């Protein structure tokens, strides 16, 4: 009744990662723009792939000066979207024992089937 079977299962899932990049001080907007543009270079995408990441897209760079101590400080900001694939495997073993309880009649008989 209970066989000697096991099943190997492989799971795979693509996950998206959001990274927000902020740059500060003089030239912050230009620095953020250069960084964003560098993400499209083949040398950079190759390094990302070797690390298990893929570059999907980036938003436009925002020029967001912030007031700090009554002075405006340059700030650049953009969001990057990356993806990665996670995987796992699992071995599901044979069922070793089954317990069946009959609740139809008042006896409530229980039968246990055990793998020999």
Foldseek 3Di string as FASTA:
>chain_A
DFDFDKDKDKDKDKDKDKDKDKAWAPCAAVVVVVVQVVCPDPVNQVVQVVVQKHWDHKDRKDFDWDQDPNDTITMIMIMTMMMGMDMDMDMGGTDAKDWDWDPPDPVRDIDMDGDD
